Amino acid sequence: MVTVVIDLDKCEGCGDCVDVCPVGVFELDNDNKKANVVDQDECIVCEACVTQCPNEAITVSE
């Protein structure tokens, strides 16, 4: 099982993870201006989100 975690203290809501994820794991929350994991089960562990996050706020583990 894949686990995707966003450190909300580090997340600045830039949306890079939303843009780069090929399977739609993330979305931006308009209320708190942070990214949220909305479909963790779809994660294919490509780790594009991890490499693109400028604040190193995302971790993916199996």
PDB file of N, CA and C in Angstrom:
ATOM      1  N   MET A   1       0.837  -1.192   0.000  1.00  0.00           N
ATOM      2  CA  MET A   1       0.000   0.000   0.000  1.00  0.00           C
ATOM      3  C   MET A   1       0.876   1.247   0.000  1.00  0.00           C
ATOM      4  N   VAL A   2       0.541   2.190  -0.832  1.00  0.00           N
ATOM      5  CA  VAL A   2       1.286   3.437  -0.962  1.00  0.00           C
ATOM      6  C   VAL A   2       0.738   4.460   0.026  1.00  0.00           C
ATOM      7  N   THR A   3       1.657   5.198   0.642  1.00  0.00           N
ATOM      8  CA  THR A   3       1.268   6.278   1.535  1.00  0.00           C
ATOM      9  C   THR A   3       1.867   7.582   1.015  1.00  0.00           C
ATOM     10  N   VAL A   4       1.012   8.572   0.797  1.00  0.00           N
ATOM     11  CA  VAL A   4       1.438   9.889   0.352  1.00  0.00           C
ATOM     12  C   VAL A   4       1.126  10.864   1.473  1.00  0.00           C
ATOM     13  N   VAL A   5       2.149  11.599   1.921  1.00  0.00           N
ATOM     14  CA  VAL A   5       1.974  12.526   3.038  1.00  0.00           C
ATOM     15  C   VAL A   5       2.474  13.901   2.630  1.00  0.00           C
ATOM     16  N   ILE A   6       1.684  14.911   2.957  1.00  0.00           N
ATOM     17  CA  ILE A   6       2.082  16.307   2.747  1.00  0.00           C
ATOM     18  C   ILE A   6       2.304  16.941   4.113  1.00  0.00           C
ATOM     19  N   ASP A   7       3.478  17.493   4.302  1.00  0.00           N
ATOM     20  CA  ASP A   7       3.774  18.245   5.524  1.00  0.00           C
ATOM     21  C   ASP A   7       3.186  19.645   5.335  1.00  0.00           C
ATOM     22  N   LEU A   8       2.038  19.886   5.951  1.00  0.00           N
ATOM     23  CA  LEU A   8       1.328  21.145   5.742  1.00  0.00           C
ATOM     24  C   LEU A   8       2.080  22.351   6.303  1.00  0.00           C
ATOM     25  N   ASP A   9       3.016  22.122   7.204  1.00  0.00           N
ATOM     26  CA  ASP A   9       3.841  23.228   7.692  1.00  0.00           C
ATOM     27  C   ASP A   9       4.810  23.702   6.611  1.00  0.00           C
ATOM     28  N   LYS A  10       5.184  22.809   5.705  1.00  0.00           N
ATOM     29  CA  LYS A  10       6.111  23.153   4.624  1.00  0.00           C
ATOM     30  C   LYS A  10       5.387  23.561   3.337  1.00  0.00           C
ATOM     31  N   CYS A  11       4.180  23.053   3.143  1.00  0.00           N
ATOM     32  CA  CYS A  11       3.431  23.310   1.903  1.00  0.00           C
ATOM     33  C   CYS A  11       3.037  24.780   1.815  1.00  0.00           C
ATOM     34  N   GLU A  12       3.349  25.385   0.664  1.00  0.00           N
ATOM     35  CA  GLU A  12       2.974  26.776   0.420  1.00  0.00           C
ATOM     36  C   GLU A  12       1.849  26.902  -0.599  1.00  0.00           C
ATOM     37  N   GLY A  13       1.306  25.772  -1.040  1.00  0.00           N
ATOM     38  CA  GLY A  13       0.173  25.796  -1.955  1.00  0.00           C
ATOM     39  C   GLY A  13       0.507  26.237  -3.361  1.00  0.00           C
ATOM     40  N   CYS A  14       1.715  25.948  -3.826  1.00  0.00           N
ATOM     41  CA  CYS A  14       2.131  26.382  -5.165  1.00  0.00           C
ATOM     42  C   CYS A  14       1.404  25.624  -6.271  1.00  0.00           C
ATOM     43  N   GLY A  15       0.967  24.395  -5.977  1.00  0.00           N
ATOM     44  CA  GLY A  15       0.237  23.601  -6.958  1.00  0.00           C
ATOM     45  C   GLY A  15       1.100  22.768  -7.886  1.00  0.00           C
ATOM     46  N   ASP A  16       2.403  22.763  -7.682  1.00  0.00           N
ATOM     47  CA  ASP A  16       3.273  21.970  -8.544  1.00  0.00           C
ATOM     48  C   ASP A  16       2.902  20.493  -8.497  1.00  0.00           C
ATOM     49  N   CYS A  17       2.564  19.981  -7.329  1.00  0.00           N
ATOM     50  CA  CYS A  17       2.194  18.564  -7.203  1.00  0.00           C
ATOM     51  C   CYS A  17       0.926  18.265  -7.995  1.00  0.00           C
ATOM     52  N   VAL A  18      -0.013  19.177  -7.960  1.00  0.00           N
ATOM     53  CA  VAL A  18      -1.262  19.006  -8.704  1.00  0.00           C
ATOM     54  C   VAL A  18      -0.966  18.963 -10.196  1.00  0.00           C
ATOM     55  N   ASP A  19      -0.117  19.867 -10.645  1.00  0.00           N
ATOM     56  CA  ASP A  19       0.203  19.963 -12.071  1.00  0.00           C
ATOM     57  C   ASP A  19       0.988  18.767 -12.592  1.00  0.00           C
ATOM     58  N   VAL A  20       1.892  18.232 -11.781  1.00  0.00           N
ATOM     59  CA  VAL A  20       2.805  17.189 -12.262  1.00  0.00           C
ATOM     60  C   VAL A  20       2.268  15.771 -12.070  1.00  0.00           C
ATOM     61  N   CYS A  21       1.322  15.567 -11.187  1.00  0.00           N
ATOM     62  CA  CYS A  21       0.821  14.214 -10.903  1.00  0.00           C
ATOM     63  C   CYS A  21       0.014  13.682 -12.096  1.00  0.00           C
ATOM     64  N   PRO A  22       0.449  12.549 -12.669  1.00  0.00           N
ATOM     65  CA  PRO A  22      -0.257  12.035 -13.853  1.00  0.00           C
ATOM     66  C   PRO A  22      -1.573  11.328 -13.546  1.00  0.00           C
ATOM     67  N   VAL A  23      -1.850  11.067 -12.268  1.00  0.00           N
ATOM     68  CA  VAL A  23      -3.059  10.310 -11.926  1.00  0.00           C
ATOM     69  C   VAL A  23      -4.003  11.041 -10.974  1.00  0.00           C
ATOM     70  N   GLY A  24      -3.765  12.312 -10.694  1.00  0.00           N
ATOM     71  CA  GLY A  24      -4.702  13.118  -9.915  1.00  0.00           C
ATOM     72  C   GLY A  24      -4.771  12.822  -8.433  1.00  0.00           C
ATOM     73  N   VAL A  25      -3.624  12.564  -7.822  1.00  0.00           N
ATOM     74  CA  VAL A  25      -3.596  12.268  -6.388  1.00  0.00           C
ATOM     75  C   VAL A  25      -3.878  13.514  -5.546  1.00  0.00           C
ATOM     76  N   PHE A  26      -3.541  14.695  -6.060  1.00  0.00           N
ATOM     77  CA  PHE A  26      -3.605  15.934  -5.273  1.00  0.00           C
ATOM     78  C   PHE A  26      -4.636  16.919  -5.811  1.00  0.00           C
ATOM     79  N   GLU A  27      -5.072  17.805  -4.923  1.00  0.00           N
ATOM     80  CA  GLU A  27      -5.827  18.993  -5.325  1.00  0.00           C
ATOM     81  C   GLU A  27      -5.499  20.096  -4.329  1.00  0.00           C
ATOM     82  N   LEU A  28      -5.700  21.336  -4.756  1.00  0.00           N
ATOM     83  CA  LEU A  28      -5.474  22.467  -3.864  1.00  0.00           C
ATOM     84  C   LEU A  28      -6.745  22.783  -3.107  1.00  0.00           C
ATOM     85  N   ASP A  29      -6.603  23.030  -1.823  1.00  0.00           N
ATOM     86  CA  ASP A  29      -7.712  23.418  -0.970  1.00  0.00           C
ATOM     87  C   ASP A  29      -7.788  24.941  -0.977  1.00  0.00           C
ATOM     88  N   ASN A  30      -8.856  25.467  -1.505  1.00  0.00           N
ATOM     89  CA  ASN A  30      -8.993  26.924  -1.606  1.00  0.00           C
ATOM     90  C   ASN A  30      -9.132  27.600  -0.254  1.00  0.00           C
ATOM     91  N   ASP A  31      -9.597  26.869   0.762  1.00  0.00           N
ATOM     92  CA  ASP A  31      -9.780  27.455   2.079  1.00  0.00           C
ATOM     93  C   ASP A  31      -8.459  27.694   2.798  1.00  0.00           C
ATOM     94  N   ASN A  32      -7.604  26.667   2.832  1.00  0.00           N
ATOM     95  CA  ASN A  32      -6.344  26.828   3.571  1.00  0.00           C
ATOM     96  C   ASN A  32      -5.138  27.053   2.667  1.00  0.00           C
ATOM     97  N   LYS A  33      -5.355  27.107   1.348  1.00  0.00           N
ATOM     98  CA  LYS A  33      -4.286  27.369   0.378  1.00  0.00           C
ATOM     99  C   LYS A  33      -3.142  26.363   0.487  1.00  0.00           C
ATOM    100  N   LYS A  34      -3.501  25.104   0.681  1.00  0.00           N
ATOM    101  CA  LYS A  34      -2.536  24.011   0.783  1.00  0.00           C
ATOM    102  C   LYS A  34      -2.968  22.886  -0.147  1.00  0.00           C
ATOM    103  N   ALA A  35      -2.022  22.012  -0.479  1.00  0.00           N
ATOM    104  CA  ALA A  35      -2.350  20.826  -1.264  1.00  0.00           C
ATOM    105  C   ALA A  35      -2.922  19.758  -0.341  1.00  0.00           C
ATOM    106  N   ASN A  36      -3.806  18.954  -0.891  1.00  0.00           N
ATOM    107  CA  ASN A  36      -4.387  17.826  -0.164  1.00  0.00           C
ATOM    108  C   ASN A  36      -4.250  16.562  -0.999  1.00  0.00           C
ATOM    109  N   VAL A  37      -4.086  15.438  -0.333  1.00  0.00           N
ATOM    110  CA  VAL A  37      -4.117  14.137  -0.997  1.00  0.00           C
ATOM    111  C   VAL A  37      -5.575  13.733  -1.077  1.00  0.00           C
ATOM    112  N   VAL A  38      -6.081  13.558  -2.297  1.00  0.00           N
ATOM    113  CA  VAL A  38      -7.494  13.236  -2.466  1.00  0.00           C
ATOM    114  C   VAL A  38      -7.742  11.839  -3.025  1.00  0.00           C
ATOM    115  N   ASP A  39      -6.712  11.228  -3.624  1.00  0.00           N
ATOM    116  CA  ASP A  39      -6.902   9.893  -4.197  1.00  0.00           C
ATOM    117  C   ASP A  39      -5.608   9.092  -4.092  1.00  0.00           C
ATOM    118  N   GLN A  40      -5.202   8.835  -2.864  1.00  0.00           N
ATOM    119  CA  GLN A  40      -3.948   8.142  -2.580  1.00  0.00           C
ATOM    120  C   GLN A  40      -3.866   6.775  -3.261  1.00  0.00           C
ATOM    121  N   ASP A  41      -4.985   6.088  -3.404  1.00  0.00           N
ATOM    122  CA  ASP A  41      -4.996   4.756  -4.007  1.00  0.00           C
ATOM    123  C   ASP A  41      -4.579   4.765  -5.481  1.00  0.00           C
ATOM    124  N   GLU A  42      -4.642   5.917  -6.123  1.00  0.00           N
ATOM    125  CA  GLU A  42      -4.257   6.016  -7.528  1.00  0.00           C
ATOM    126  C   GLU A  42      -2.753   6.223  -7.720  1.00  0.00           C
ATOM    127  N   CYS A  43      -2.030   6.509  -6.647  1.00  0.00           N
ATOM    128  CA  CYS A  43      -0.599   6.801  -6.735  1.00  0.00           C
ATOM    129  C   CYS A  43       0.163   5.647  -7.383  1.00  0.00           C
ATOM    130  N   ILE A  44       1.001   5.972  -8.368  1.00  0.00           N
ATOM    131  CA  ILE A  44       1.809   4.970  -9.074  1.00  0.00           C
ATOM    132  C   ILE A  44       3.279   5.045  -8.653  1.00  0.00           C
ATOM    133  N   VAL A  45       3.570   5.794  -7.604  1.00  0.00           N
ATOM    134  CA  VAL A  45       4.904   5.923  -7.006  1.00  0.00           C
ATOM    135  C   VAL A  45       5.935   6.415  -8.029  1.00  0.00           C
ATOM    136  N   CYS A  46       5.527   7.332  -8.887  1.00  0.00           N
ATOM    137  CA  CYS A  46       6.480   7.918  -9.838  1.00  0.00           C
ATOM    138  C   CYS A  46       7.351   8.966  -9.149  1.00  0.00           C
ATOM    139  N   GLU A  47       6.872   9.468  -8.017  1.00  0.00           N
ATOM    140  CA  GLU A  47       7.552  10.467  -7.198  1.00  0.00           C
ATOM    141  C   GLU A  47       7.831  11.784  -7.911  1.00  0.00           C
ATOM    142  N   ALA A  48       7.076  12.068  -8.971  1.00  0.00           N
ATOM    143  CA  ALA A  48       7.202  13.355  -9.646  1.00  0.00           C
ATOM    144  C   ALA A  48       6.857  14.489  -8.684  1.00  0.00           C
ATOM    145  N   CYS A  49       5.890  14.259  -7.824  1.00  0.00           N
ATOM    146  CA  CYS A  49       5.490  15.271  -6.845  1.00  0.00           C
ATOM    147  C   CYS A  49       6.624  15.566  -5.870  1.00  0.00           C
ATOM    148  N   VAL A  50       7.332  14.523  -5.465  1.00  0.00           N
ATOM    149  CA  VAL A  50       8.433  14.676  -4.516  1.00  0.00           C
ATOM    150  C   VAL A  50       9.543  15.528  -5.129  1.00  0.00           C
ATOM    151  N   THR A  51       9.893  15.241  -6.376  1.00  0.00           N
ATOM    152  CA  THR A  51      10.991  15.969  -7.016  1.00  0.00           C
ATOM    153  C   THR A  51      10.602  17.391  -7.399  1.00  0.00           C
ATOM    154  N   GLN A  52       9.320  17.630  -7.663  1.00  0.00           N
ATOM    155  CA  GLN A  52       8.882  18.959  -8.075  1.00  0.00           C
ATOM    156  C   GLN A  52       8.539  19.895  -6.930  1.00  0.00           C
ATOM    157  N   CYS A  53       8.297  19.365  -5.755  1.00  0.00           N
ATOM    158  CA  CYS A  53       7.921  20.214  -4.616  1.00  0.00           C
ATOM    159  C   CYS A  53       9.121  21.063  -4.192  1.00  0.00           C
ATOM    160  N   PRO A  54       9.005  22.382  -4.288  1.00  0.00           N
ATOM    161  CA  PRO A  54      10.137  23.240  -3.956  1.00  0.00           C
ATOM    162  C   PRO A  54      10.451  23.293  -2.457  1.00  0.00           C
ATOM    163  N   ASN A  55       9.533  22.823  -1.633  1.00  0.00           N
ATOM    164  CA  ASN A  55       9.720  22.896  -0.184  1.00  0.00           C
ATOM    165  C   ASN A  55       9.928  21.529   0.470  1.00  0.00           C
ATOM    166  N   GLU A  56      10.080  20.495  -0.361  1.00  0.00           N
ATOM    167  CA  GLU A  56      10.272  19.139   0.148  1.00  0.00           C
ATOM    168  C   GLU A  56       9.187  18.749   1.151  1.00  0.00           C
ATOM    169  N   ALA A  57       7.946  19.073   0.808  1.00  0.00           N
ATOM    170  CA  ALA A  57       6.821  18.853   1.711  1.00  0.00           C
ATOM    171  C   ALA A  57       6.124  17.508   1.503  1.00  0.00           C
ATOM    172  N   ILE A  58       6.511  16.765   0.472  1.00  0.00           N
ATOM    173  CA  ILE A  58       5.801  15.528   0.137  1.00  0.00           C
ATOM    174  C   ILE A  58       6.708  14.325   0.305  1.00  0.00           C
ATOM    175  N   THR A  59       6.153  13.285   0.923  1.00  0.00           N
ATOM    176  CA  THR A  59       6.848  12.006   0.993  1.00  0.00           C
ATOM    177  C   THR A  59       5.924  10.922   0.477  1.00  0.00           C
ATOM    178  N   VAL A  60       6.518   9.970  -0.227  1.00  0.00           N
ATOM    179  CA  VAL A  60       5.780   8.829  -0.767  1.00  0.00           C
ATOM    180  C   VAL A  60       6.509   7.585  -0.309  1.00  0.00           C
ATOM    181  N   SER A  61       5.751   6.649   0.256  1.00  0.00           N
ATOM    182  CA  SER A  61       6.374   5.394   0.702  1.00  0.00           C
ATOM    183  C   SER A  61       5.461   4.230   0.372  1.00  0.00           C
ATOM    184  N   GLU A  62       6.081   3.071   0.245  1.00  0.00           N
ATOM    185  CA  GLU A  62       5.324   1.842  -0.051  1.00  0.00           C
ATOM    186  C   GLU A  62       5.327   0.944   1.160  1.00  0.00           C
TER     187      GLU A  62
END
